[in-house]
Amino acid sequence: MNKFDFDDLAPQRALEARCELVEKAYTRTPLCLDREVAAALSQMSAHAWNLARDQAYGDGARFRSLNRYKARIVDGAIEVSPSQNSPYFQSSKYNSTLGGQARNYAPLAADLAYTPGVHRLIAQLAARLPLSQPGQSYNVNLHLMRFSASPGMPCDTSPPGFHKDGEKYISVVLLAYCGADGGRVSIRDNERNDQASFTMRELGECYIIDDEFVWHKLSPVKVNGYSSFAFRDLMLFDFIPEGWQPTY
């Protein structure tokens, strides 16, 4: 377990992100990088080349791992620790293409997944969540993912189009965007009004959404006009409050 003081987790940016999540249900507040977090992003980016193919996904080439953690809010600090891995499951209510089935993804090795930098990144993201008050605990999923494409073979999300995931807070941290077009994030409120649309291109760019109050989608990743191969690598974090169940 690693314990991080709130004062060391960019409290001003955490407050800004919380306010935006309350007001708009999404935030693009930038991360604060130190050597540990920067090293973790670099290591994850390098390892994306070694991920196993996502066998549940048949269209295009997608690769994925899954590691689980606990994040607990205590007075003035956040504790982050590893948790036991288990298959990933989404209800078919939220994932019409792959929901209702247990999906098995190999975990990353401990020396990659449980470094102080990864734990600090989880703590920094948790500090931004409106529910992060003393006594709150989250189950955290870390999906390291690669969307790769070749001419005539784009790579899409599952499910495609606007959707919800049935997990309270979702954060995406970009690792690489290379040779690609597409991969554009779009966010709508529950009345389906457009709220934001953007393409992340730089290592460390991120966003957080409150899945209860927005719909989101990622446009298919495809090669640009000059490439024969493209990829978009990311770390996706699910923050699920213990005891929480979606009611939407």
C-alpha atoms as a PDB file:
ATOM      1  CA  MET A   1       0.000   0.000   0.000  1.00  0.00           C
ATOM      2  CA  ASN A   2       1.073   3.571  -0.713  1.00  0.00           C
ATOM      3  CA  LYS A   3      -0.320   6.601   1.116  1.00  0.00           C
ATOM      4  CA  PHE A   4      -0.361  10.075  -0.469  1.00  0.00           C
ATOM      5  CA  ASP A   5      -1.132  13.340   1.295  1.00  0.00           C
ATOM      6  CA  PHE A   6      -3.722  15.523  -0.421  1.00  0.00           C
ATOM      7  CA  ASP A   7      -1.284  18.430  -0.222  1.00  0.00           C
ATOM      8  CA  ASP A   8       1.081  16.476  -2.507  1.00  0.00           C
ATOM      9  CA  LEU A   9      -1.614  15.750  -5.108  1.00  0.00           C
ATOM     10  CA  ALA A  10      -1.927  19.198  -6.723  1.00  0.00           C
ATOM     11  CA  PRO A  11      -4.829  20.303  -4.484  1.00  0.00           C
ATOM     12  CA  GLN A  12      -5.655  23.401  -6.567  1.00  0.00           C
ATOM     13  CA  ARG A  13      -6.053  21.357  -9.725  1.00  0.00           C
ATOM     14  CA  ALA A  14      -7.990  18.731  -7.767  1.00  0.00           C
ATOM     15  CA  LEU A  15     -10.424  21.418  -6.622  1.00  0.00           C
ATOM     16  CA  GLU A  16     -10.767  22.770 -10.161  1.00  0.00           C
ATOM     17  CA  ALA A  17     -11.499  19.279 -11.497  1.00  0.00           C
ATOM     18  CA  ARG A  18     -14.049  18.574  -8.754  1.00  0.00           C
ATOM     19  CA  CYS A  19     -15.907  21.785  -9.493  1.00  0.00           C
ATOM     20  CA  GLU A  20     -16.047  20.985 -13.199  1.00  0.00           C
ATOM     21  CA  LEU A  21     -17.261  17.435 -12.519  1.00  0.00           C
ATOM     22  CA  VAL A  22     -20.054  18.791 -10.338  1.00  0.00           C
ATOM     23  CA  GLU A  23     -20.970  21.502 -12.835  1.00  0.00           C
ATOM     24  CA  LYS A  24     -20.487  19.722 -16.171  1.00  0.00           C
ATOM     25  CA  ALA A  25     -19.952  16.018 -15.282  1.00  0.00           C
ATOM     26  CA  TYR A  26     -16.612  16.046 -17.124  1.00  0.00           C
ATOM     27  CA  THR A  27     -13.216  17.696 -16.752  1.00  0.00           C
ATOM     28  CA  ARG A  28     -10.073  18.002 -18.835  1.00  0.00           C
ATOM     29  CA  THR A  29      -7.970  19.452 -16.014  1.00  0.00           C
ATOM     30  CA  PRO A  30      -4.343  18.517 -16.843  1.00  0.00           C
ATOM     31  CA  LEU A  31      -2.351  16.092 -14.746  1.00  0.00           C
ATOM     32  CA  CYS A  32       0.517  17.277 -12.576  1.00  0.00           C
ATOM     33  CA  LEU A  33       3.563  15.229 -13.515  1.00  0.00           C
ATOM     34  CA  ASP A  34       6.460  14.420 -11.254  1.00  0.00           C
ATOM     35  CA  ARG A  35       9.291  12.002 -12.003  1.00  0.00           C
ATOM     36  CA  GLU A  36       7.392   8.975 -10.646  1.00  0.00           C
ATOM     37  CA  VAL A  37       4.204   9.611 -12.627  1.00  0.00           C
ATOM     38  CA  ALA A  38       6.127  10.561 -15.784  1.00  0.00           C
ATOM     39  CA  ALA A  39       8.186   7.369 -15.499  1.00  0.00           C
ATOM     40  CA  ALA A  40       5.020   5.300 -15.060  1.00  0.00           C
ATOM     41  CA  LEU A  41       3.473   6.799 -18.198  1.00  0.00           C
ATOM     42  CA  SER A  42       6.645   6.118 -20.160  1.00  0.00           C
ATOM     43  CA  GLN A  43       6.843   2.515 -18.936  1.00  0.00           C
ATOM     44  CA  MET A  44       3.187   1.880 -19.740  1.00  0.00           C
ATOM     45  CA  SER A  45       3.625   3.379 -23.191  1.00  0.00           C
ATOM     46  CA  ALA A  46       6.542   1.067 -23.923  1.00  0.00           C
ATOM     47  CA  HIS A  47       4.655  -1.979 -22.641  1.00  0.00           C
ATOM     48  CA  ALA A  48       1.666  -1.326 -24.909  1.00  0.00           C
ATOM     49  CA  TRP A  49       3.668  -3.067 -27.645  1.00  0.00           C
ATOM     50  CA  ASN A  50       3.540  -6.295 -25.595  1.00  0.00           C
ATOM     51  CA  LEU A  51      -0.167  -6.407 -24.767  1.00  0.00           C
ATOM     52  CA  ALA A  52      -2.224  -9.473 -25.616  1.00  0.00           C
ATOM     53  CA  ARG A  53      -4.897  -9.121 -28.261  1.00  0.00           C
ATOM     54  CA  ASP A  54      -8.412  -8.506 -26.963  1.00  0.00           C
ATOM     55  CA  GLN A  55     -10.016 -11.814 -27.988  1.00  0.00           C
ATOM     56  CA  ALA A  56     -13.532 -10.499 -27.318  1.00  0.00           C
ATOM     57  CA  TYR A  57     -13.162  -7.857 -30.001  1.00  0.00           C
ATOM     58  CA  GLY A  58     -13.311  -9.034 -33.606  1.00  0.00           C
ATOM     59  CA  ASP A  59     -13.281  -5.801 -35.620  1.00  0.00           C
ATOM     60  CA  GLY A  60      -9.829  -4.327 -36.098  1.00  0.00           C
ATOM     61  CA  ALA A  61      -6.944  -4.942 -33.726  1.00  0.00           C
ATOM     62  CA  ARG A  62      -7.361  -4.061 -30.075  1.00  0.00           C
ATOM     63  CA  PHE A  63      -5.080  -5.081 -27.204  1.00  0.00           C
ATOM     64  CA  ARG A  64      -5.793  -4.908 -23.485  1.00  0.00           C
ATOM     65  CA  SER A  65      -4.779  -5.771 -19.931  1.00  0.00           C
ATOM     66  CA  LEU A  66      -6.600  -5.367 -16.603  1.00  0.00           C
ATOM     67  CA  ASN A  67      -5.348  -4.704 -13.076  1.00  0.00           C
ATOM     68  CA  ARG A  68      -7.464  -3.929 -10.037  1.00  0.00           C
ATOM     69  CA  TYR A  69      -6.785  -1.670  -7.050  1.00  0.00           C
ATOM     70  CA  LYS A  70      -8.383  -0.189  -3.954  1.00  0.00           C
ATOM     71  CA  ALA A  71      -8.297   3.552  -3.268  1.00  0.00           C
ATOM     72  CA  ARG A  72      -9.383   4.666   0.195  1.00  0.00           C
ATOM     73  CA  ILE A  73      -9.883   8.258   1.318  1.00  0.00           C
ATOM     74  CA  VAL A  74      -8.682   8.971   4.852  1.00  0.00           C
ATOM     75  CA  ASP A  75      -8.195  12.240   6.714  1.00  0.00           C
ATOM     76  CA  GLY A  76      -5.860  14.315   4.553  1.00  0.00           C
ATOM     77  CA  ALA A  77      -4.638  11.431   2.425  1.00  0.00           C
ATOM     78  CA  ILE A  78      -5.449   8.686  -0.077  1.00  0.00           C
ATOM     79  CA  GLU A  79      -4.328   5.077   0.340  1.00  0.00           C
ATOM     80  CA  VAL A  80      -3.825   2.977  -2.795  1.00  0.00           C
ATOM     81  CA  SER A  81      -3.233  -0.775  -2.774  1.00  0.00           C
ATOM     82  CA  PRO A  82      -3.428  -3.705  -5.216  1.00  0.00           C
ATOM     83  CA  SER A  83      -6.588  -5.801  -5.332  1.00  0.00           C
ATOM     84  CA  GLN A  84      -7.275  -9.307  -6.555  1.00  0.00           C
ATOM     85  CA  ASN A  85      -7.790  -9.660 -10.286  1.00  0.00           C
ATOM     86  CA  SER A  86     -10.989 -11.154 -11.663  1.00  0.00           C
ATOM     87  CA  PRO A  87     -12.765 -11.227 -15.029  1.00  0.00           C
ATOM     88  CA  TYR A  88     -14.216  -7.989 -16.329  1.00  0.00           C
ATOM     89  CA  PHE A  89     -17.990  -7.837 -16.641  1.00  0.00           C
ATOM     90  CA  GLN A  90     -20.376  -5.257 -18.042  1.00  0.00           C
ATOM     91  CA  SER A  91     -24.138  -5.544 -18.178  1.00  0.00           C
ATOM     92  CA  SER A  92     -25.619  -5.880 -21.650  1.00  0.00           C
ATOM     93  CA  LYS A  93     -27.666  -2.806 -20.684  1.00  0.00           C
ATOM     94  CA  TYR A  94     -24.501  -0.721 -21.128  1.00  0.00           C
ATOM     95  CA  ASN A  95     -22.503  -2.775 -23.626  1.00  0.00           C
ATOM     96  CA  SER A  96     -24.782  -4.153 -26.298  1.00  0.00           C
ATOM     97  CA  THR A  97     -21.941  -5.887 -28.134  1.00  0.00           C
ATOM     98  CA  LEU A  98     -19.844  -7.473 -25.351  1.00  0.00           C
ATOM     99  CA  GLY A  99     -22.021  -7.091 -22.261  1.00  0.00           C
ATOM    100  CA  GLY A 100     -23.367 -10.025 -20.252  1.00  0.00           C
ATOM    101  CA  GLN A 101     -20.193 -12.084 -20.515  1.00  0.00           C
ATOM    102  CA  ALA A 102     -17.093 -12.459 -18.382  1.00  0.00           C
ATOM    103  CA  ARG A 103     -14.066 -11.132 -20.274  1.00  0.00           C
ATOM    104  CA  ASN A 104     -10.630 -12.291 -19.201  1.00  0.00           C
ATOM    105  CA  TYR A 105      -7.676  -9.934 -19.607  1.00  0.00           C
ATOM    106  CA  ALA A 106      -4.197 -10.785 -18.410  1.00  0.00           C
ATOM    107  CA  PRO A 107      -2.855  -8.460 -15.704  1.00  0.00           C
ATOM    108  CA  LEU A 108       0.330  -6.479 -16.056  1.00  0.00           C
ATOM    109  CA  ALA A 109       3.287  -7.715 -14.052  1.00  0.00           C
ATOM    110  CA  ALA A 110       3.522  -6.325 -10.518  1.00  0.00           C
ATOM    111  CA  ASP A 111       6.756  -4.428 -11.236  1.00  0.00           C
ATOM    112  CA  LEU A 112       4.874  -2.444 -13.889  1.00  0.00           C
ATOM    113  CA  ALA A 113       1.368  -2.171 -12.433  1.00  0.00           C
ATOM    114  CA  TYR A 114       2.117  -1.480  -8.776  1.00  0.00           C
ATOM    115  CA  THR A 115       4.869   1.119  -8.930  1.00  0.00           C
ATOM    116  CA  PRO A 116       4.713   4.279  -6.793  1.00  0.00           C
ATOM    117  CA  GLY A 117       4.093   6.261  -9.988  1.00  0.00           C
ATOM    118  CA  VAL A 118       0.987   4.260 -10.927  1.00  0.00           C
ATOM    119  CA  HIS A 119      -0.290   4.452  -7.355  1.00  0.00           C
ATOM    120  CA  ARG A 120       0.357   8.208  -7.269  1.00  0.00           C
ATOM    121  CA  LEU A 121      -1.501   8.653 -10.558  1.00  0.00           C
ATOM    122  CA  ILE A 122      -4.510   6.772  -9.158  1.00  0.00           C
ATOM    123  CA  ALA A 123      -4.394   8.932  -6.019  1.00  0.00           C
ATOM    124  CA  GLN A 124      -4.158  12.137  -8.060  1.00  0.00           C
ATOM    125  CA  LEU A 125      -7.210  11.144 -10.100  1.00  0.00           C
ATOM    126  CA  ALA A 126      -9.145  10.037  -7.013  1.00  0.00           C
ATOM    127  CA  ALA A 127      -8.467  13.408  -5.369  1.00  0.00           C
ATOM    128  CA  ARG A 128     -10.424  15.037  -8.205  1.00  0.00           C
ATOM    129  CA  LEU A 129     -13.643  13.070  -7.658  1.00  0.00           C
ATOM    130  CA  PRO A 130     -16.556  14.808  -5.890  1.00  0.00           C
ATOM    131  CA  LEU A 131     -17.293  11.736  -3.746  1.00  0.00           C
ATOM    132  CA  SER A 132     -13.738  11.616  -2.360  1.00  0.00           C
ATOM    133  CA  GLN A 133     -14.440  12.404   1.282  1.00  0.00           C
ATOM    134  CA  PRO A 134     -12.876  10.629   4.301  1.00  0.00           C
ATOM    135  CA  GLY A 135     -14.288   7.127   4.590  1.00  0.00           C
ATOM    136  CA  GLN A 136     -14.970   6.724   0.863  1.00  0.00           C
ATOM    137  CA  SER A 137     -13.392   3.722  -0.854  1.00  0.00           C
ATOM    138  CA  TYR A 138     -13.215   2.924  -4.544  1.00  0.00           C
ATOM    139  CA  ASN A 139     -12.681  -0.238  -6.513  1.00  0.00           C
ATOM    140  CA  VAL A 140     -10.368   0.860  -9.314  1.00  0.00           C
ATOM    141  CA  ASN A 141      -9.830  -0.880 -12.629  1.00  0.00           C
ATOM    142  CA  LEU A 142      -6.816  -0.019 -14.776  1.00  0.00           C
ATOM    143  CA  HIS A 143      -7.157  -1.024 -18.414  1.00  0.00           C
ATOM    144  CA  LEU A 144      -4.019  -0.545 -20.505  1.00  0.00           C
ATOM    145  CA  MET A 145      -5.293  -0.502 -24.084  1.00  0.00           C
ATOM    146  CA  ARG A 146      -4.090  -0.193 -27.637  1.00  0.00           C
ATOM    147  CA  PHE A 147      -6.354   0.604 -30.583  1.00  0.00           C
ATOM    148  CA  SER A 148      -4.414  -0.146 -33.766  1.00  0.00           C
ATOM    149  CA  ALA A 149      -5.436   0.328 -37.371  1.00  0.00           C
ATOM    150  CA  SER A 150      -4.224  -0.347 -40.901  1.00  0.00           C
ATOM    151  CA  PRO A 151      -5.590   0.876 -44.243  1.00  0.00           C
ATOM    152  CA  GLY A 152      -9.178  -0.278 -44.599  1.00  0.00           C
ATOM    153  CA  MET A 153      -9.197  -1.702 -41.059  1.00  0.00           C
ATOM    154  CA  PRO A 154     -10.117   0.950 -38.455  1.00  0.00           C
ATOM    155  CA  CYS A 155     -10.509   0.116 -34.773  1.00  0.00           C
ATOM    156  CA  ASP A 156     -13.644   1.100 -32.879  1.00  0.00           C
ATOM    157  CA  THR A 157     -14.862   0.977 -29.286  1.00  0.00           C
ATOM    158  CA  SER A 158     -17.322  -1.517 -27.863  1.00  0.00           C
ATOM    159  CA  PRO A 159     -20.077  -0.557 -27.992  1.00  0.00           C
ATOM    160  CA  PRO A 160     -19.622   1.945 -30.818  1.00  0.00           C
ATOM    161  CA  GLY A 161     -21.356   5.309 -30.729  1.00  0.00           C
ATOM    162  CA  PHE A 162     -22.660   7.191 -27.712  1.00  0.00           C
ATOM    163  CA  HIS A 163     -22.997   5.014 -24.634  1.00  0.00           C
ATOM    164  CA  LYS A 164     -22.627   4.726 -20.885  1.00  0.00           C
ATOM    165  CA  ASP A 165     -20.387   2.188 -19.162  1.00  0.00           C
ATOM    166  CA  GLY A 166     -22.262   1.655 -15.891  1.00  0.00           C
ATOM    167  CA  GLU A 167     -19.214   2.690 -13.822  1.00  0.00           C
ATOM    168  CA  LYS A 168     -19.392   5.893 -11.780  1.00  0.00           C
ATOM    169  CA  TYR A 169     -16.221   7.755 -12.776  1.00  0.00           C
ATOM    170  CA  ILE A 170     -14.101   7.006 -15.835  1.00  0.00           C
ATOM    171  CA  SER A 171     -10.752   8.617 -16.539  1.00  0.00           C
ATOM    172  CA  VAL A 172      -8.665   8.230 -19.678  1.00  0.00           C
ATOM    173  CA  VAL A 173      -4.965   9.134 -19.830  1.00  0.00           C
ATOM    174  CA  LEU A 174      -3.400   9.154 -23.292  1.00  0.00           C
ATOM    175  CA  LEU A 175      -0.070   7.431 -23.840  1.00  0.00           C
ATOM    176  CA  ALA A 176       0.364   7.649 -27.617  1.00  0.00           C
ATOM    177  CA  TYR A 177      -1.418   8.815 -30.760  1.00  0.00           C
ATOM    178  CA  CYS A 178       0.682   7.897 -33.773  1.00  0.00           C
ATOM    179  CA  GLY A 179      -0.030   7.760 -37.493  1.00  0.00           C
ATOM    180  CA  ALA A 180      -3.702   8.145 -36.692  1.00  0.00           C
ATOM    181  CA  ASP A 181      -6.845   9.986 -37.612  1.00  0.00           C
ATOM    182  CA  GLY A 182     -10.029   9.641 -35.597  1.00  0.00           C
ATOM    183  CA  GLY A 183     -10.010   8.698 -31.947  1.00  0.00           C
ATOM    184  CA  ARG A 184     -12.088  11.796 -31.224  1.00  0.00           C
ATOM    185  CA  VAL A 185     -13.849  11.945 -27.854  1.00  0.00           C
ATOM    186  CA  SER A 186     -17.394  13.362 -27.823  1.00  0.00           C
ATOM    187  CA  ILE A 187     -19.481  14.031 -24.710  1.00  0.00           C
ATOM    188  CA  ARG A 188     -23.213  14.762 -24.421  1.00  0.00           C
ATOM    189  CA  ASP A 189     -25.376  15.431 -21.384  1.00  0.00           C
ATOM    190  CA  ASN A 190     -28.317  13.195 -20.487  1.00  0.00           C
ATOM    191  CA  GLU A 191     -30.593  15.288 -22.720  1.00  0.00           C
ATOM    192  CA  ARG A 192     -28.207  14.438 -25.599  1.00  0.00           C
ATOM    193  CA  ASN A 193     -26.970  18.021 -25.937  1.00  0.00           C
ATOM    194  CA  ASP A 194     -23.384  18.246 -27.193  1.00  0.00           C
ATOM    195  CA  GLN A 195     -21.004  19.261 -24.405  1.00  0.00           C
ATOM    196  CA  ALA A 196     -17.471  18.705 -25.723  1.00  0.00           C
ATOM    197  CA  SER A 197     -15.534  17.161 -28.586  1.00  0.00           C
ATOM    198  CA  PHE A 198     -11.751  16.832 -28.697  1.00  0.00           C
ATOM    199  CA  THR A 199      -8.861  14.681 -29.863  1.00  0.00           C
ATOM    200  CA  MET A 200      -6.059  13.950 -27.407  1.00  0.00           C
ATOM    201  CA  ARG A 201      -2.621  13.829 -29.028  1.00  0.00           C
ATOM    202  CA  GLU A 202       0.012  14.319 -26.310  1.00  0.00           C
ATOM    203  CA  LEU A 203       1.342  11.909 -23.682  1.00  0.00           C
ATOM    204  CA  GLY A 204      -0.430  12.597 -20.385  1.00  0.00           C
ATOM    205  CA  GLU A 205      -3.511  14.361 -21.771  1.00  0.00           C
ATOM    206  CA  CYS A 206      -6.540  13.198 -19.823  1.00  0.00           C
ATOM    207  CA  TYR A 207     -10.184  13.613 -19.005  1.00  0.00           C
ATOM    208  CA  ILE A 208     -12.648  12.340 -16.393  1.00  0.00           C
ATOM    209  CA  ILE A 209     -16.388  11.831 -16.840  1.00  0.00           C
ATOM    210  CA  ASP A 210     -19.208  11.121 -14.406  1.00  0.00           C
ATOM    211  CA  ASP A 211     -20.923   8.309 -16.294  1.00  0.00           C
ATOM    212  CA  GLU A 212     -24.195   8.915 -14.483  1.00  0.00           C
ATOM    213  CA  PHE A 213     -24.686  12.318 -16.089  1.00  0.00           C
ATOM    214  CA  VAL A 214     -23.144  12.116 -19.572  1.00  0.00           C
ATOM    215  CA  TRP A 215     -23.023   9.978 -22.692  1.00  0.00           C
ATOM    216  CA  HIS A 216     -19.698   9.562 -24.453  1.00  0.00           C
ATOM    217  CA  LYS A 217     -18.158   8.033 -27.540  1.00  0.00           C
ATOM    218  CA  LEU A 218     -14.816   7.618 -29.276  1.00  0.00           C
ATOM    219  CA  SER A 219     -14.735   7.804 -33.048  1.00  0.00           C
ATOM    220  CA  PRO A 220     -12.958   4.886 -34.770  1.00  0.00           C
ATOM    221  CA  VAL A 221      -9.174   5.049 -34.877  1.00  0.00           C
ATOM    222  CA  LYS A 222      -7.906   4.852 -38.456  1.00  0.00           C
ATOM    223  CA  VAL A 223      -4.674   5.541 -40.296  1.00  0.00           C
ATOM    224  CA  ASN A 224      -3.987   9.012 -41.614  1.00  0.00           C
ATOM    225  CA  GLY A 225      -3.307   9.632 -45.284  1.00  0.00           C
ATOM    226  CA  TYR A 226       0.445   9.088 -44.995  1.00  0.00           C
ATOM    227  CA  SER A 227       0.700   5.926 -42.864  1.00  0.00           C
ATOM    228  CA  SER A 228       0.206   2.191 -43.216  1.00  0.00           C
ATOM    229  CA  PHE A 229      -0.141   1.624 -39.457  1.00  0.00           C
ATOM    230  CA  ALA A 230      -1.607   3.700 -36.636  1.00  0.00           C
ATOM    231  CA  PHE A 231      -2.175   3.281 -32.910  1.00  0.00           C
ATOM    232  CA  ARG A 232      -3.771   5.041 -29.964  1.00  0.00           C
ATOM    233  CA  ASP A 233      -2.569   3.815 -26.548  1.00  0.00           C
ATOM    234  CA  LEU A 234      -4.195   4.753 -23.263  1.00  0.00           C
ATOM    235  CA  MET A 235      -4.665   4.004 -19.596  1.00  0.00           C
ATOM    236  CA  LEU A 236      -8.357   3.833 -18.712  1.00  0.00           C
ATOM    237  CA  PHE A 237      -9.357   3.959 -15.041  1.00  0.00           C
ATOM    238  CA  ASP A 238     -12.769   3.011 -13.650  1.00  0.00           C
ATOM    239  CA  PHE A 239     -13.470   4.415 -10.168  1.00  0.00           C
ATOM    240  CA  ILE A 240     -16.406   2.532  -8.640  1.00  0.00           C
ATOM    241  CA  PRO A 241     -17.423   3.561  -5.098  1.00  0.00           C
ATOM    242  CA  GLU A 242     -17.736   0.529  -2.842  1.00  0.00           C
ATOM    243  CA  GLY A 243     -21.379  -0.444  -2.493  1.00  0.00           C
ATOM    244  CA  TRP A 244     -22.426   1.758  -5.427  1.00  0.00           C
ATOM    245  CA  GLN A 245     -24.748   0.443  -8.130  1.00  0.00           C
ATOM    246  CA  PRO A 246     -25.881   2.343 -11.224  1.00  0.00           C
ATOM    247  CA  THR A 247     -29.498   3.492 -11.144  1.00  0.00           C
ATOM    248  CA  TYR A 248     -29.591   4.901 -14.665  1.00  0.00           C
END
